[in-house]
All heavy atoms as atom14 arrays in JSON, in Angstrom:
{
  "sequence": "WLASAPPTDKAYNVVRAFEAGWGGVVWKTLGL",
  "atom14_mask": [
    [1, 1, 1, 1, 1, 1, 1, 1, 1, 1, 1, 1, 1, 1],
    [1, 1, 1, 1, 1, 1, 1, 1, 0, 0, 0, 0, 0, 0],
    [1, 1, 1, 1, 1, 0, 0, 0, 0, 0, 0, 0, 0, 0],
    [1, 1, 1, 1, 1, 1, 0, 0, 0, 0, 0, 0, 0, 0],
    [1, 1, 1, 1, 1, 0, 0, 0, 0, 0, 0, 0, 0, 0],
    [1, 1, 1, 1, 1, 1, 1, 0, 0, 0, 0, 0, 0, 0],
    [1, 1, 1, 1, 1, 1, 1, 0, 0, 0, 0, 0, 0, 0],
    [1, 1, 1, 1, 1, 1, 1, 0, 0, 0, 0, 0, 0, 0],
    [1, 1, 1, 1, 1, 1, 1, 1, 0, 0, 0, 0, 0, 0],
    [1, 1, 1, 1, 1, 1, 1, 1, 1, 0, 0, 0, 0, 0],
    [1, 1, 1, 1, 1, 0, 0, 0, 0, 0, 0, 0, 0, 0],
    [1, 1, 1, 1, 1, 1, 1, 1, 1, 1, 1, 1, 0, 0],
    [1, 1, 1, 1, 1, 1, 1, 1, 0, 0, 0, 0, 0, 0],
    [1, 1, 1, 1, 1, 1, 1, 0, 0, 0, 0, 0, 0, 0],
    [1, 1, 1, 1, 1, 1, 1, 0, 0, 0, 0, 0, 0, 0],
    [1, 1, 1, 1, 1, 1, 1, 1, 1, 1, 1, 0, 0, 0],
    [1, 1, 1, 1, 1, 0, 0, 0, 0, 0, 0, 0, 0, 0],
    [1, 1, 1, 1, 1, 1, 1, 1, 1, 1, 1, 0, 0, 0],
    [1, 1, 1, 1, 1, 1, 1, 1, 1, 0, 0, 0, 0, 0],
    [1, 1, 1, 1, 1, 0, 0, 0, 0, 0, 0, 0, 0, 0],
    [1, 1, 1, 1, 0, 0, 0, 0, 0, 0, 0, 0, 0, 0],
    [1, 1, 1, 1, 1, 1, 1, 1, 1, 1, 1, 1, 1, 1],
    [1, 1, 1, 1, 0, 0, 0, 0, 0, 0, 0, 0, 0, 0],
    [1, 1, 1, 1, 0, 0, 0, 0, 0, 0, 0, 0, 0, 0],
    [1, 1, 1, 1, 1, 1, 1, 0, 0, 0, 0, 0, 0, 0],
    [1, 1, 1, 1, 1, 1, 1, 0, 0, 0, 0, 0, 0, 0],
    [1, 1, 1, 1, 1, 1, 1, 1, 1, 1, 1, 1, 1, 1],
    [1, 1, 1, 1, 1, 1, 1, 1, 1, 0, 0, 0, 0, 0],
    [1, 1, 1, 1, 1, 1, 1, 0, 0, 0, 0, 0, 0, 0],
    [1, 1, 1, 1, 1, 1, 1, 1, 0, 0, 0, 0, 0, 0],
    [1, 1, 1, 1, 0, 0, 0, 0, 0, 0, 0, 0, 0, 0],
    [1, 1, 1, 1, 1, 1, 1, 1, 0, 0, 0, 0, 0, 0]
  ],
  "atom14_positions": [
    [[-26.84, 10.34, -2.3], [-25.71, 10.46, -3.21], [-25.22, 11.91, -3.22], [-26.01, 12.84, -3.0], [-26.11, 10.11, -4.67], [-26.56, 8.72, -4.89], [-26.65, 7.7, -3.99], [-26.96, 8.15, -6.15], [-27.09, 6.55, -4.59], [-27.29, 6.81, -5.93], [-27.1, 8.67, -7.43], [-27.74, 5.96, -6.93], [-27.54, 7.84, -8.45], [-27.86, 6.48, -8.2]],
    [[-23.95, 12.1, -3.46], [-23.44, 13.43, -3.71], [-23.61, 13.77, -5.17], [-23.3, 12.96, -6.03], [-21.94, 13.52, -3.32], [-21.65, 13.6, -1.83], [-20.15, 13.48, -1.58], [-22.16, 14.93, -1.24], [0.0, 0.0, 0.0], [0.0, 0.0, 0.0], [0.0, 0.0, 0.0], [0.0, 0.0, 0.0], [0.0, 0.0, 0.0], [0.0, 0.0, 0.0]],
    [[-24.11, 14.97, -5.42], [-24.33, 15.37, -6.8], [-23.04, 15.76, -7.52], [-22.0, 16.02, -6.88], [-25.28, 16.58, -6.86], [0.0, 0.0, 0.0], [0.0, 0.0, 0.0], [0.0, 0.0, 0.0], [0.0, 0.0, 0.0], [0.0, 0.0, 0.0], [0.0, 0.0, 0.0], [0.0, 0.0, 0.0], [0.0, 0.0, 0.0], [0.0, 0.0, 0.0]],
    [[-23.09, 15.76, -8.81], [-21.95, 16.15, -9.65], [-21.65, 17.61, -9.41], [-22.42, 18.5, -9.78], [-22.29, 15.91, -11.12], [-21.3, 16.5, -11.95], [0.0, 0.0, 0.0], [0.0, 0.0, 0.0], [0.0, 0.0, 0.0], [0.0, 0.0, 0.0], [0.0, 0.0, 0.0], [0.0, 0.0, 0.0], [0.0, 0.0, 0.0], [0.0, 0.0, 0.0]],
    [[-20.49, 17.89, -8.79], [-20.15, 19.25, -8.34], [-18.78, 19.23, -7.75], [-18.1, 18.19, -7.73], [-21.22, 19.73, -7.33], [0.0, 0.0, 0.0], [0.0, 0.0, 0.0], [0.0, 0.0, 0.0], [0.0, 0.0, 0.0], [0.0, 0.0, 0.0], [0.0, 0.0, 0.0], [0.0, 0.0, 0.0], [0.0, 0.0, 0.0], [0.0, 0.0, 0.0]],
    [[-18.27, 20.37, -7.23], [-16.92, 20.38, -6.64], [-16.67, 19.29, -5.59], [-15.56, 18.78, -5.54], [-16.86, 21.8, -6.03], [-17.72, 22.62, -6.92], [-18.85, 21.74, -7.33], [0.0, 0.0, 0.0], [0.0, 0.0, 0.0], [0.0, 0.0, 0.0], [0.0, 0.0, 0.0], [0.0, 0.0, 0.0], [0.0, 0.0, 0.0], [0.0, 0.0, 0.0]],
    [[-17.67, 18.87, -4.76], [-17.37, 17.81, -3.78], [-17.0, 16.48, -4.38], [-16.53, 15.59, -3.67], [-18.66, 17.74, -2.96], [-19.3, 19.07, -3.08], [-18.97, 19.48, -4.52], [0.0, 0.0, 0.0], [0.0, 0.0, 0.0], [0.0, 0.0, 0.0], [0.0, 0.0, 0.0], [0.0, 0.0, 0.0], [0.0, 0.0, 0.0], [0.0, 0.0, 0.0]],
    [[-17.24, 16.26, -5.69], [-16.99, 14.97, -6.28], [-15.98, 15.06, -7.43], [-16.05, 14.25, -8.34], [-18.3, 14.34, -6.8], [-18.84, 15.19, -7.85], [-19.33, 14.2, -5.7], [0.0, 0.0, 0.0], [0.0, 0.0, 0.0], [0.0, 0.0, 0.0], [0.0, 0.0, 0.0], [0.0, 0.0, 0.0], [0.0, 0.0, 0.0], [0.0, 0.0, 0.0]],
    [[-15.04, 15.99, -7.37], [-14.18, 16.24, -8.51], [-12.87, 15.46, -8.5], [-12.11, 15.53, -9.43], [-13.91, 17.73, -8.71], [-12.92, 18.27, -7.69], [-12.75, 17.65, -6.62], [-12.29, 19.32, -7.98], [0.0, 0.0, 0.0], [0.0, 0.0, 0.0], [0.0, 0.0, 0.0], [0.0, 0.0, 0.0], [0.0, 0.0, 0.0], [0.0, 0.0, 0.0]],
    [[-12.63, 14.68, -7.43], [-11.43, 13.87, -7.4], [-11.55, 12.78, -6.37], [-12.42, 12.81, -5.5], [-10.18, 14.74, -7.12], [-10.22, 15.62, -5.91], [-8.97, 16.47, -5.83], [-9.05, 17.49, -4.71], [-10.17, 18.47, -4.92], [0.0, 0.0, 0.0], [0.0, 0.0, 0.0], [0.0, 0.0, 0.0], [0.0, 0.0, 0.0], [0.0, 0.0, 0.0]],
    [[-10.62, 11.8, -6.42], [-10.71, 10.63, -5.61], [-10.64, 10.96, -4.14], [-11.34, 10.38, -3.29], [-9.58, 9.65, -5.95], [0.0, 0.0, 0.0], [0.0, 0.0, 0.0], [0.0, 0.0, 0.0], [0.0, 0.0, 0.0], [0.0, 0.0, 0.0], [0.0, 0.0, 0.0], [0.0, 0.0, 0.0], [0.0, 0.0, 0.0], [0.0, 0.0, 0.0]],
    [[-9.8, 11.94, -3.75], [-9.65, 12.29, -2.34], [-10.99, 12.63, -1.72], [-11.38, 12.14, -0.64], [-8.67, 13.44, -2.17], [-8.48, 13.88, -0.76], [-7.58, 13.22, 0.07], [-9.21, 14.93, -0.22], [-7.4, 13.61, 1.41], [-9.05, 15.34, 1.11], [-8.14, 14.68, 1.91], [-7.99, 15.06, 3.21], [0.0, 0.0, 0.0], [0.0, 0.0, 0.0]],
    [[-11.75, 13.51, -2.38], [-13.06, 13.9, -1.87], [-14.01, 12.73, -1.82], [-14.74, 12.54, -0.81], [-13.69, 14.99, -2.76], [-12.81, 16.22, -2.89], [-11.73, 16.15, -3.46], [-13.27, 17.35, -2.41], [0.0, 0.0, 0.0], [0.0, 0.0, 0.0], [0.0, 0.0, 0.0], [0.0, 0.0, 0.0], [0.0, 0.0, 0.0], [0.0, 0.0, 0.0]],
    [[-14.08, 11.96, -2.91], [-15.03, 10.89, -2.97], [-14.77, 9.82, -1.96], [-15.7, 9.31, -1.29], [-15.02, 10.3, -4.41], [-15.91, 9.02, -4.46], [-15.53, 11.31, -5.4], [0.0, 0.0, 0.0], [0.0, 0.0, 0.0], [0.0, 0.0, 0.0], [0.0, 0.0, 0.0], [0.0, 0.0, 0.0], [0.0, 0.0, 0.0], [0.0, 0.0, 0.0]],
    [[-13.51, 9.47, -1.69], [-13.18, 8.49, -0.67], [-13.6, 9.02, 0.69], [-14.14, 8.26, 1.53], [-11.69, 8.16, -0.73], [-11.26, 7.36, 0.5], [-11.34, 7.4, -1.99], [0.0, 0.0, 0.0], [0.0, 0.0, 0.0], [0.0, 0.0, 0.0], [0.0, 0.0, 0.0], [0.0, 0.0, 0.0], [0.0, 0.0, 0.0], [0.0, 0.0, 0.0]],
    [[-13.35, 10.29, 0.98], [-13.78, 10.85, 2.25], [-15.32, 10.79, 2.38], [-15.85, 10.51, 3.45], [-13.34, 12.32, 2.38], [-11.87, 12.48, 2.74], [-11.5, 13.97, 2.84], [-12.27, 14.67, 3.83], [-11.98, 14.75, 5.12], [-10.94, 14.09, 5.59], [-12.74, 15.47, 5.96], [0.0, 0.0, 0.0], [0.0, 0.0, 0.0], [0.0, 0.0, 0.0]],
    [[-16.0, 10.98, 1.32], [-17.47, 10.94, 1.31], [-17.92, 9.49, 1.62], [-18.83, 9.28, 2.44], [-18.04, 11.39, -0.02], [0.0, 0.0, 0.0], [0.0, 0.0, 0.0], [0.0, 0.0, 0.0], [0.0, 0.0, 0.0], [0.0, 0.0, 0.0], [0.0, 0.0, 0.0], [0.0, 0.0, 0.0], [0.0, 0.0, 0.0], [0.0, 0.0, 0.0]],
    [[-17.31, 8.5, 0.96], [-17.7, 7.12, 1.22], [-17.34, 6.72, 2.66], [-18.09, 5.97, 3.29], [-16.99, 6.21, 0.21], [-17.57, 6.3, -1.18], [-16.88, 5.78, -2.26], [-18.83, 6.84, -1.4], [-17.42, 5.83, -3.58], [-19.39, 6.89, -2.67], [-18.67, 6.39, -3.76], [0.0, 0.0, 0.0], [0.0, 0.0, 0.0], [0.0, 0.0, 0.0]],
    [[-16.23, 7.16, 3.16], [-15.86, 6.89, 4.54], [-16.91, 7.49, 5.51], [-17.15, 6.91, 6.58], [-14.48, 7.41, 4.87], [-13.36, 6.65, 4.17], [-11.98, 7.33, 4.34], [-11.92, 8.51, 4.73], [-10.95, 6.64, 4.09], [0.0, 0.0, 0.0], [0.0, 0.0, 0.0], [0.0, 0.0, 0.0], [0.0, 0.0, 0.0], [0.0, 0.0, 0.0]],
    [[-17.48, 8.61, 5.12], [-18.48, 9.26, 5.97], [-19.83, 8.54, 5.9], [-20.67, 8.74, 6.8], [-18.63, 10.72, 5.56], [0.0, 0.0, 0.0], [0.0, 0.0, 0.0], [0.0, 0.0, 0.0], [0.0, 0.0, 0.0], [0.0, 0.0, 0.0], [0.0, 0.0, 0.0], [0.0, 0.0, 0.0], [0.0, 0.0, 0.0], [0.0, 0.0, 0.0]],
    [[-20.06, 7.75, 4.85], [-21.27, 6.98, 4.78], [-22.18, 7.26, 3.61], [-23.31, 6.7, 3.53], [0.0, 0.0, 0.0], [0.0, 0.0, 0.0], [0.0, 0.0, 0.0], [0.0, 0.0, 0.0], [0.0, 0.0, 0.0], [0.0, 0.0, 0.0], [0.0, 0.0, 0.0], [0.0, 0.0, 0.0], [0.0, 0.0, 0.0], [0.0, 0.0, 0.0]],
    [[-21.78, 8.11, 2.67], [-22.62, 8.39, 1.51], [-22.83, 7.13, 0.67], [-21.92, 6.32, 0.45], [-22.01, 9.5, 0.66], [-22.04, 10.82, 1.35], [-21.13, 11.31, 2.2], [-23.1, 11.81, 1.27], [-21.53, 12.55, 2.68], [-22.73, 12.87, 2.1], [-24.3, 11.85, 0.59], [-23.55, 14.01, 2.29], [-25.1, 12.98, 0.75], [-24.74, 14.02, 1.61]],
    [[-24.04, 6.99, 0.19], [-24.38, 5.78, -0.59], [-23.85, 5.78, -2.01], [-23.73, 4.71, -2.61], [0.0, 0.0, 0.0], [0.0, 0.0, 0.0], [0.0, 0.0, 0.0], [0.0, 0.0, 0.0], [0.0, 0.0, 0.0], [0.0, 0.0, 0.0], [0.0, 0.0, 0.0], [0.0, 0.0, 0.0], [0.0, 0.0, 0.0], [0.0, 0.0, 0.0]],
    [[-23.55, 6.94, -2.53], [-23.04, 7.02, -3.9], [-22.61, 8.41, -4.24], [-22.84, 9.36, -3.47], [0.0, 0.0, 0.0], [0.0, 0.0, 0.0], [0.0, 0.0, 0.0], [0.0, 0.0, 0.0], [0.0, 0.0, 0.0], [0.0, 0.0, 0.0], [0.0, 0.0, 0.0], [0.0, 0.0, 0.0], [0.0, 0.0, 0.0], [0.0, 0.0, 0.0]],
    [[-22.01, 8.54, -5.42], [-21.61, 9.86, -5.92], [-21.9, 9.93, -7.42], [-21.92, 8.89, -8.08], [-20.13, 10.21, -5.68], [-19.77, 10.17, -4.2], [-19.24, 9.28, -6.49], [0.0, 0.0, 0.0], [0.0, 0.0, 0.0], [0.0, 0.0, 0.0], [0.0, 0.0, 0.0], [0.0, 0.0, 0.0], [0.0, 0.0, 0.0], [0.0, 0.0, 0.0]],
    [[-22.11, 11.15, -7.89], [-22.06, 11.39, -9.3], [-20.81, 12.23, -9.53], [-20.71, 13.38, -9.08], [-23.32, 12.19, -9.78], [-23.23, 12.37, -11.3], [-24.59, 11.44, -9.41], [0.0, 0.0, 0.0], [0.0, 0.0, 0.0], [0.0, 0.0, 0.0], [0.0, 0.0, 0.0], [0.0, 0.0, 0.0], [0.0, 0.0, 0.0], [0.0, 0.0, 0.0]],
    [[-19.8, 11.62, -10.16], [-18.5, 12.25, -10.33], [-18.64, 13.54, -11.12], [-19.42, 13.62, -12.08], [-17.57, 11.3, -11.08], [-16.1, 11.63, -10.93], [-15.38, 12.53, -11.59], [-15.18, 10.97, -10.02], [-14.08, 12.53, -11.2], [-13.91, 11.59, -10.23], [-15.28, 9.93, -9.09], [-12.77, 11.19, -9.53], [-14.16, 9.55, -8.4], [-12.92, 10.16, -8.63]],
    [[-17.9, 14.56, -10.72], [-18.0, 15.83, -11.37], [-17.86, 15.71, -12.89], [-17.01, 14.96, -13.4], [-16.98, 16.82, -10.84], [-17.18, 18.22, -11.44], [-16.3, 19.26, -10.78], [-16.59, 20.59, -11.43], [-15.75, 21.68, -10.92], [0.0, 0.0, 0.0], [0.0, 0.0, 0.0], [0.0, 0.0, 0.0], [0.0, 0.0, 0.0], [0.0, 0.0, 0.0]],
    [[-18.67, 16.47, -13.62], [-18.82, 16.33, -15.06], [-17.49, 16.29, -15.8], [-16.65, 17.2, -15.69], [-19.68, 17.47, -15.61], [-20.91, 17.49, -14.88], [-19.98, 17.22, -17.09], [0.0, 0.0, 0.0], [0.0, 0.0, 0.0], [0.0, 0.0, 0.0], [0.0, 0.0, 0.0], [0.0, 0.0, 0.0], [0.0, 0.0, 0.0], [0.0, 0.0, 0.0]],
    [[-17.34, 15.25, -16.63], [-16.12, 15.08, -17.47], [-16.46, 15.56, -18.88], [-17.59, 15.48, -19.36], [-15.75, 13.63, -17.53], [-15.55, 12.85, -16.22], [-15.03, 11.46, -16.52], [-14.62, 13.59, -15.27], [0.0, 0.0, 0.0], [0.0, 0.0, 0.0], [0.0, 0.0, 0.0], [0.0, 0.0, 0.0], [0.0, 0.0, 0.0], [0.0, 0.0, 0.0]],
    [[-15.44, 16.06, -19.53], [-15.53, 16.41, -20.94], [-14.3, 15.88, -21.66], [-13.4, 15.3, -21.05], [0.0, 0.0, 0.0], [0.0, 0.0, 0.0], [0.0, 0.0, 0.0], [0.0, 0.0, 0.0], [0.0, 0.0, 0.0], [0.0, 0.0, 0.0], [0.0, 0.0, 0.0], [0.0, 0.0, 0.0], [0.0, 0.0, 0.0], [0.0, 0.0, 0.0]],
    [[-14.24, 16.06, -22.95], [-13.09, 15.66, -23.73], [-11.95, 16.63, -23.52], [-12.14, 17.8, -23.24], [-13.48, 15.56, -25.21], [-14.46, 14.48, -25.6], [-14.95, 14.66, -27.04], [-13.89, 13.1, -25.37], [0.0, 0.0, 0.0], [0.0, 0.0, 0.0], [0.0, 0.0, 0.0], [0.0, 0.0, 0.0], [0.0, 0.0, 0.0], [0.0, 0.0, 0.0]]
  ]
}
């Protein structure tokens, strides 16, 4: 999985990660 960090801060990055074969992501930390 990709950890919660800059590589998982938006859909573009996460989709590229999934296309590369990553099994999962922890989306970059959300707040109110």
